[in-house]
Amino acid sequence: MATQSASLTLTRDDQKASARPLALARWLYAVASLVVVIVFVGGITRLTESGLSITHWSVVTGILPPLTESAWQAEFDLYRQTGEYRFESGPAGMDLAAFKFIYFWEWFHRILGRVIGLAFLLPMVWFWIRGAIPQGYKPRLLALFALICGQGALGWYMVASGVGTDLTDVSHFRLSAHLLTALFLLGGLVWTARDLQMQASDPTATPVRLTGASIVIAAILFVQLLLGAWVAGLNAGHAAYDWPLMNGQFLPQPDLSRGWFWALTHDPFLLQFLHRWWAFVAVAALIWLARRVRATDRMASIAIHTAFGTMVLLGIATVMTEVSLWVAVSHQLVGALLVASVAWGMHSDGKRDVAAI
């Protein structure tokens, strides 16, 4: 028994000696950066109405775009069967050159998804074989990879809602699931990287847990991100171009013909109104988080303040520029950076609570 116990202790010591938490943290930060990029490109894809330009999902053969004019024409013919082309882009005069432009953004978006999958899977396998993954982190890394795979599946599920139908856009519910899963993945990558970075400094450190305050703040931010995703999916940014009023009124008249629940989930005027003003509830919650961590992690506090301040200004500018492409895309980009900074701040909040015990 003593020999078996000594052998087990030796094995654990060997695992600790071969673990490379700082290397893993840097790798996860790199993957998180790629997720920020794909959220940015996803915003361009949505705002340029590019999401339905590729009507099929080919994991391997879809890596290359059409290489001949006949191949381009075949893709264009498939797109012309969509409701988006028949009722919007076709009557607007879309030709093959314009189709190539929207095809590029959807193709680039899908390629980035594959790059993220490989950028996570291949290093994870290498770290695993080398015994570099600290004890207890393998299940978490597998869960993050499952999220990446699920994100890809959700992307196709979203596109499928607009293919073979008379709809001119994808389902805003599926779009929100696709976007929010990406942001949840981003938060998970940052959180895990922070845990590993902490372990690199202190091998006895244990993973940080969410505090009660952070759970409340996360719930408030989730509502704002969900509203933003619905606004994007329903093109509700075009409901009004003035601020702080909406078409000269504080509260626009929502369409209640199908009840309050339908209005809360479908009416573009009401959703833009809610997204505008719930933002300030989210700002109050984020100020609370920033103040909680200011003494122990001033950089996290600064990052949170900078992100939400910039996002609010870009949100107002998006409305007042009539949803200018690059302003609106920048709003979504800063939203991803806000999620990353909030995950950082929440981790610091949990670390502060552990230190206080």
Protein backbone atom coordinates (compact mmCIF):
# COMPACT_ATOMS: atom_id res chain seq x y z
CA MET A 1 0.00 0.00 0.00
CA ALA A 2 2.82 2.39 0.89
CA THR A 3 4.51 1.68 -2.46
CA GLN A 4 1.25 2.31 -4.32
CA SER A 5 0.69 5.59 -2.45
CA ALA A 6 4.25 6.73 -3.17
CA SER A 7 3.79 5.84 -6.85
CA LEU A 8 0.57 7.88 -7.01
CA THR A 9 2.28 10.86 -5.35
CA LEU A 10 5.17 10.59 -7.80
CA THR A 11 2.74 10.54 -10.75
CA ARG A 12 1.02 13.69 -9.50
CA ASP A 13 4.37 15.38 -8.98
CA ASP A 14 5.37 14.45 -12.53
CA GLN A 15 2.11 15.94 -13.84
CA LYS A 16 2.77 19.18 -11.99
CA ALA A 17 6.32 19.30 -13.29
CA SER A 18 5.27 18.85 -16.93
CA ALA A 19 2.28 21.22 -16.72
CA ARG A 20 2.64 24.48 -18.63
CA PRO A 21 -0.20 26.71 -17.41
CA LEU A 22 1.29 29.95 -18.73
CA ALA A 23 1.74 28.49 -22.23
CA LEU A 24 -1.87 27.31 -22.19
CA ALA A 25 -3.06 30.71 -21.01
CA ARG A 26 -1.29 32.45 -23.89
CA TRP A 27 -2.76 29.96 -26.35
CA LEU A 28 -6.29 30.56 -25.02
CA TYR A 29 -5.82 34.32 -25.25
CA ALA A 30 -4.82 33.85 -28.90
CA VAL A 31 -7.96 31.79 -29.58
CA ALA A 32 -10.04 34.42 -27.75
CA SER A 33 -8.57 37.05 -30.10
CA LEU A 34 -9.70 34.97 -33.07
CA VAL A 35 -13.20 34.80 -31.59
CA VAL A 36 -13.25 38.61 -31.35
CA VAL A 37 -12.25 38.75 -35.04
CA ILE A 38 -14.99 36.33 -36.09
CA VAL A 39 -17.61 38.33 -34.17
CA PHE A 40 -16.41 41.41 -36.07
CA VAL A 41 -16.62 39.60 -39.42
CA GLY A 42 -19.98 38.16 -38.42
CA GLY A 43 -21.23 41.71 -37.92
CA ILE A 44 -20.11 42.64 -41.44
CA THR A 45 -21.77 39.48 -42.77
CA ARG A 46 -25.06 40.41 -41.13
CA LEU A 47 -25.03 44.08 -42.08
CA THR A 48 -24.16 43.39 -45.73
CA GLU A 49 -26.93 40.76 -45.92
CA SER A 50 -24.32 38.13 -46.81
CA GLY A 51 -25.52 35.31 -44.56
CA LEU A 52 -27.67 33.53 -47.15
CA SER A 53 -25.19 33.83 -50.03
CA ILE A 54 -23.89 30.28 -49.43
CA THR A 55 -26.90 27.98 -49.36
CA HIS A 56 -25.14 24.75 -48.37
CA TRP A 57 -22.73 23.62 -45.67
CA SER A 58 -19.65 21.71 -46.84
CA VAL A 59 -17.13 21.32 -44.03
CA VAL A 60 -14.26 20.14 -46.27
CA THR A 61 -15.08 21.16 -49.85
CA GLY A 62 -16.39 24.51 -48.65
CA ILE A 63 -12.87 25.68 -47.86
CA LEU A 64 -12.33 26.91 -51.42
CA PRO A 65 -14.57 29.54 -53.03
CA PRO A 66 -15.77 29.04 -56.63
CA LEU A 67 -12.76 29.14 -58.96
CA THR A 68 -14.40 29.46 -62.37
CA GLU A 69 -17.11 31.66 -63.83
CA SER A 70 -19.38 28.64 -64.31
CA ALA A 71 -18.91 27.70 -60.64
CA TRP A 72 -19.75 31.27 -59.62
CA GLN A 73 -22.85 31.20 -61.78
CA ALA A 74 -23.95 27.91 -60.19
CA GLU A 75 -23.63 29.44 -56.70
CA PHE A 76 -25.50 32.54 -57.84
CA ASP A 77 -28.29 30.36 -59.23
CA LEU A 78 -28.67 28.66 -55.86
CA TYR A 79 -28.80 32.04 -54.12
CA ARG A 80 -31.46 33.25 -56.54
CA GLN A 81 -33.80 30.59 -55.15
CA THR A 82 -33.76 32.20 -51.69
CA GLY A 83 -36.50 34.52 -50.50
CA GLU A 84 -33.87 37.17 -49.88
CA TYR A 85 -32.99 37.32 -53.58
CA ARG A 86 -36.55 36.99 -54.88
CA PHE A 87 -37.98 39.73 -52.67
CA GLU A 88 -35.04 42.03 -51.86
CA SER A 89 -31.69 41.79 -53.62
CA GLY A 90 -33.11 40.60 -56.95
CA PRO A 91 -35.62 43.46 -57.33
CA ALA A 92 -32.83 45.83 -56.21
CA GLY A 93 -30.80 44.73 -59.24
CA MET A 94 -28.14 42.43 -57.79
CA ASP A 95 -25.77 41.10 -60.43
CA LEU A 96 -22.99 38.50 -60.26
CA ALA A 97 -20.36 41.05 -59.20
CA ALA A 98 -22.50 42.17 -56.25
CA PHE A 99 -23.14 38.53 -55.35
CA LYS A 100 -19.39 37.86 -55.25
CA PHE A 101 -19.03 40.65 -52.67
CA ILE A 102 -21.58 39.20 -50.23
CA TYR A 103 -20.34 35.66 -50.91
CA PHE A 104 -16.84 36.69 -49.83
CA TRP A 105 -17.97 37.80 -46.35
CA GLU A 106 -19.98 34.66 -45.67
CA TRP A 107 -17.13 32.47 -46.98
CA PHE A 108 -14.56 34.38 -44.90
CA HIS A 109 -16.78 34.04 -41.83
CA ARG A 110 -16.99 30.27 -42.30
CA ILE A 111 -13.24 29.96 -42.96
CA LEU A 112 -12.52 31.81 -39.72
CA GLY A 113 -14.75 29.33 -37.91
CA ARG A 114 -12.65 26.45 -39.24
CA VAL A 115 -9.43 28.29 -38.34
CA ILE A 116 -10.66 28.74 -34.76
CA GLY A 117 -11.55 25.05 -34.55
CA LEU A 118 -8.08 23.99 -35.70
CA ALA A 119 -6.34 26.68 -33.63
CA PHE A 120 -7.98 25.15 -30.58
CA LEU A 121 -7.92 21.42 -31.42
CA LEU A 122 -4.34 20.99 -32.66
CA PRO A 123 -2.58 22.76 -29.75
CA MET A 124 -4.90 21.04 -27.27
CA VAL A 125 -3.90 17.63 -28.64
CA TRP A 126 -0.23 18.63 -28.54
CA PHE A 127 -0.46 19.90 -24.94
CA TRP A 128 -2.38 16.76 -23.98
CA ILE A 129 0.24 14.40 -25.46
CA ARG A 130 3.05 16.37 -23.83
CA GLY A 131 1.32 16.20 -20.45
CA ALA A 132 1.33 19.99 -20.30
CA ILE A 133 -2.32 20.41 -19.25
CA PRO A 134 -2.60 20.98 -15.48
CA GLN A 135 -4.69 18.57 -13.46
CA GLY A 136 -8.42 19.27 -13.65
CA TYR A 137 -8.34 21.34 -16.86
CA LYS A 138 -8.86 18.63 -19.47
CA PRO A 139 -12.67 18.49 -19.03
CA ARG A 140 -12.86 22.27 -19.27
CA LEU A 141 -10.82 22.35 -22.48
CA LEU A 142 -13.01 19.62 -23.98
CA ALA A 143 -16.09 21.64 -23.04
CA LEU A 144 -14.66 24.73 -24.77
CA PHE A 145 -13.95 22.68 -27.90
CA ALA A 146 -17.51 21.33 -27.80
CA LEU A 147 -18.71 24.95 -27.67
CA ILE A 148 -16.66 25.74 -30.78
CA CYS A 149 -18.20 22.77 -32.62
CA GLY A 150 -21.66 23.71 -31.39
CA GLN A 151 -21.10 27.25 -32.58
CA GLY A 152 -20.46 26.00 -36.10
CA ALA A 153 -23.56 23.82 -36.02
CA LEU A 154 -25.63 26.76 -34.76
CA GLY A 155 -24.30 28.87 -37.62
CA TRP A 156 -25.63 26.40 -40.16
CA TYR A 157 -28.89 26.00 -38.20
CA MET A 158 -29.26 29.78 -38.43
CA VAL A 159 -28.60 29.89 -42.19
CA ALA A 160 -30.98 26.97 -42.76
CA SER A 161 -33.84 29.07 -41.38
CA GLY A 162 -33.60 31.32 -44.45
CA VAL A 163 -32.77 28.74 -47.13
CA GLY A 164 -35.64 27.16 -49.04
CA THR A 165 -38.18 29.57 -47.54
CA ASP A 166 -39.80 32.88 -48.46
CA LEU A 167 -38.02 34.60 -45.57
CA THR A 168 -35.71 37.45 -46.49
CA ASP A 169 -33.59 37.02 -43.36
CA VAL A 170 -32.52 34.25 -41.04
CA SER A 171 -34.43 33.69 -37.80
CA HIS A 172 -33.47 36.34 -35.27
CA PHE A 173 -33.84 33.72 -32.52
CA ARG A 174 -31.27 31.46 -34.19
CA LEU A 175 -29.03 34.45 -34.91
CA SER A 176 -29.09 35.42 -31.23
CA ALA A 177 -28.23 31.84 -30.21
CA HIS A 178 -25.31 31.86 -32.67
CA LEU A 179 -23.96 35.22 -31.46
CA LEU A 180 -24.48 34.66 -27.75
CA THR A 181 -22.81 31.25 -27.91
CA ALA A 182 -19.77 32.93 -29.48
CA LEU A 183 -19.71 35.52 -26.70
CA PHE A 184 -20.13 32.83 -24.03
CA LEU A 185 -17.21 30.95 -25.62
CA LEU A 186 -15.16 34.16 -25.53
CA GLY A 187 -15.90 34.64 -21.84
CA GLY A 188 -15.02 31.01 -21.12
CA LEU A 189 -11.70 31.30 -22.94
CA VAL A 190 -10.74 34.46 -21.04
CA TRP A 191 -11.85 33.01 -17.69
CA THR A 192 -9.90 29.76 -18.21
CA ALA A 193 -6.83 31.68 -19.36
CA ARG A 194 -7.02 33.81 -16.19
CA ASP A 195 -7.26 30.67 -14.04
CA LEU A 196 -4.20 29.19 -15.77
CA GLN A 197 -2.29 32.45 -15.53
CA MET A 198 -3.02 32.53 -11.81
CA GLN A 199 -1.80 28.94 -11.43
CA ALA A 200 1.40 29.82 -13.28
CA SER A 201 2.12 32.41 -10.58
CA ASP A 202 0.99 30.19 -7.71
CA PRO A 203 0.93 26.40 -8.32
CA THR A 204 -1.29 25.92 -5.26
CA ALA A 205 -4.00 28.27 -6.60
CA THR A 206 -7.44 26.78 -7.25
CA PRO A 207 -9.86 27.86 -10.03
CA VAL A 208 -11.90 30.96 -9.22
CA ARG A 209 -15.69 30.79 -8.85
CA LEU A 210 -18.33 33.31 -9.85
CA THR A 211 -19.49 35.57 -7.04
CA GLY A 212 -23.16 36.31 -6.40
CA ALA A 213 -22.64 39.88 -7.60
CA SER A 214 -21.05 38.66 -10.82
CA ILE A 215 -24.00 36.36 -11.53
CA VAL A 216 -26.41 39.29 -11.22
CA ILE A 217 -24.21 41.47 -13.45
CA ALA A 218 -23.89 38.67 -16.01
CA ALA A 219 -27.68 38.26 -16.13
CA ILE A 220 -28.18 42.00 -16.73
CA LEU A 221 -25.53 42.04 -19.46
CA PHE A 222 -27.04 38.91 -21.04
CA VAL A 223 -30.39 40.69 -21.46
CA GLN A 224 -28.68 43.63 -23.19
CA LEU A 225 -26.71 41.35 -25.53
CA LEU A 226 -29.85 39.35 -26.34
CA LEU A 227 -31.76 42.54 -27.16
CA GLY A 228 -28.87 43.68 -29.35
CA ALA A 229 -28.88 40.37 -31.22
CA TRP A 230 -32.63 40.64 -31.83
CA VAL A 231 -32.26 44.23 -32.99
CA ALA A 232 -29.61 43.07 -35.47
CA GLY A 233 -31.64 40.07 -36.63
CA LEU A 234 -34.80 42.11 -37.21
CA ASN A 235 -33.00 45.11 -38.74
CA ALA A 236 -34.56 47.08 -35.90
CA GLY A 237 -31.75 49.61 -35.98
CA HIS A 238 -33.64 51.19 -38.88
CA ALA A 239 -36.79 51.72 -36.79
CA ALA A 240 -35.62 55.21 -35.76
CA TYR A 241 -32.61 57.39 -36.55
CA ASP A 242 -32.93 60.04 -33.83
CA TRP A 243 -31.71 59.99 -30.22
CA PRO A 244 -32.74 60.15 -27.38
CA LEU A 245 -36.25 60.28 -28.90
CA MET A 246 -37.49 57.74 -31.42
CA ASN A 247 -39.14 59.37 -34.40
CA GLY A 248 -39.82 62.38 -32.22
CA GLN A 249 -41.35 60.35 -29.35
CA PHE A 250 -39.88 58.95 -26.18
CA LEU A 251 -41.88 55.71 -26.37
CA PRO A 252 -42.89 54.58 -29.85
CA GLN A 253 -46.25 52.90 -30.31
CA PRO A 254 -45.55 49.15 -30.38
CA ASP A 255 -47.59 46.71 -32.43
CA LEU A 256 -49.73 44.95 -29.81
CA SER A 257 -52.11 43.30 -32.26
CA ARG A 258 -50.60 39.90 -31.41
CA GLY A 259 -50.03 40.56 -27.72
CA TRP A 260 -47.21 41.82 -25.52
CA PHE A 261 -45.08 38.66 -25.79
CA TRP A 262 -44.97 38.87 -29.58
CA ALA A 263 -44.21 42.59 -29.38
CA LEU A 264 -41.39 42.02 -26.89
CA THR A 265 -39.77 39.47 -29.19
CA HIS A 266 -40.62 40.79 -32.66
CA ASP A 267 -41.60 44.47 -32.75
CA PRO A 268 -38.60 46.47 -34.08
CA PHE A 269 -39.66 49.77 -32.47
CA LEU A 270 -40.11 48.25 -29.03
CA LEU A 271 -36.90 46.22 -29.26
CA GLN A 272 -34.83 49.24 -30.28
CA PHE A 273 -36.39 51.18 -27.38
CA LEU A 274 -35.56 48.42 -24.90
CA HIS A 275 -32.02 48.01 -26.24
CA ARG A 276 -31.44 51.75 -25.91
CA TRP A 277 -32.56 52.10 -22.33
CA TRP A 278 -31.66 48.72 -20.83
CA ALA A 279 -28.13 49.73 -21.85
CA PHE A 280 -28.05 52.14 -18.94
CA VAL A 281 -29.15 49.42 -16.51
CA ALA A 282 -26.22 47.40 -17.86
CA VAL A 283 -23.92 50.43 -17.47
CA ALA A 284 -24.90 50.75 -13.79
CA ALA A 285 -24.18 47.04 -13.27
CA LEU A 286 -20.82 47.32 -15.02
CA ILE A 287 -19.84 50.36 -12.95
CA TRP A 288 -20.64 48.27 -9.87
CA LEU A 289 -18.36 45.48 -11.13
CA ALA A 290 -15.58 47.92 -12.02
CA ARG A 291 -15.73 49.49 -8.56
CA ARG A 292 -15.65 46.07 -6.88
CA VAL A 293 -12.35 45.18 -8.57
CA ARG A 294 -10.76 48.62 -8.76
CA ALA A 295 -8.60 48.20 -5.66
CA THR A 296 -7.28 44.73 -6.55
CA ASP A 297 -7.20 44.87 -10.37
CA ARG A 298 -7.20 48.44 -11.62
CA MET A 299 -6.51 47.43 -15.23
CA ALA A 300 -9.66 45.29 -15.32
CA SER A 301 -11.64 48.22 -13.94
CA ILE A 302 -10.24 50.54 -16.63
CA ALA A 303 -10.94 47.98 -19.37
CA ILE A 304 -14.59 47.64 -18.29
CA HIS A 305 -15.14 51.41 -18.13
CA THR A 306 -13.45 51.95 -21.50
CA ALA A 307 -15.42 49.18 -23.21
CA PHE A 308 -18.89 50.15 -22.04
CA GLY A 309 -18.26 53.87 -22.56
CA THR A 310 -17.12 53.28 -26.13
CA MET A 311 -19.99 50.88 -26.78
CA VAL A 312 -22.65 53.36 -25.63
CA LEU A 313 -21.20 56.11 -27.84
CA LEU A 314 -21.01 53.76 -30.83
CA GLY A 315 -24.58 52.61 -30.18
CA ILE A 316 -25.84 56.20 -30.34
CA ALA A 317 -23.68 56.86 -33.41
CA THR A 318 -25.09 53.73 -35.09
CA VAL A 319 -28.60 55.11 -34.76
CA MET A 320 -27.74 58.66 -35.79
CA THR A 321 -25.71 57.54 -38.85
CA GLU A 322 -28.67 55.43 -40.00
CA VAL A 323 -26.81 52.18 -39.26
CA SER A 324 -23.63 53.06 -41.11
CA LEU A 325 -21.82 49.78 -41.83
CA TRP A 326 -18.50 50.51 -40.14
CA VAL A 327 -20.03 52.31 -37.16
CA ALA A 328 -22.49 49.46 -36.55
CA VAL A 329 -19.77 46.81 -37.00
CA SER A 330 -17.53 48.70 -34.57
CA HIS A 331 -20.40 48.64 -32.07
CA GLN A 332 -20.51 44.84 -32.33
CA LEU A 333 -16.71 44.58 -32.13
CA VAL A 334 -16.62 46.61 -28.91
CA GLY A 335 -19.44 44.43 -27.61
CA ALA A 336 -17.12 41.42 -27.92
CA LEU A 337 -14.31 43.34 -26.21
CA LEU A 338 -16.77 44.30 -23.46
CA VAL A 339 -17.59 40.63 -22.85
CA ALA A 340 -13.86 39.82 -22.65
CA SER A 341 -13.24 42.68 -20.19
CA VAL A 342 -16.26 41.70 -18.08
CA ALA A 343 -15.04 38.08 -17.91
CA TRP A 344 -11.69 39.47 -16.77
CA GLY A 345 -13.37 41.67 -14.16
CA MET A 346 -15.63 38.87 -12.89
CA HIS A 347 -12.62 36.60 -12.52
CA SER A 348 -10.83 39.32 -10.54
CA ASP A 349 -13.95 39.74 -8.42
CA GLY A 350 -13.92 36.03 -7.59
CA LYS A 351 -10.20 36.16 -6.89
CA ARG A 352 -10.77 39.13 -4.57
CA ASP A 353 -13.37 37.15 -2.63
CA VAL A 354 -10.98 34.20 -2.25
CA ALA A 355 -8.22 36.52 -1.01
CA ALA A 356 -10.61 38.01 1.55
CA ILE A 357 -11.34 34.64 3.15
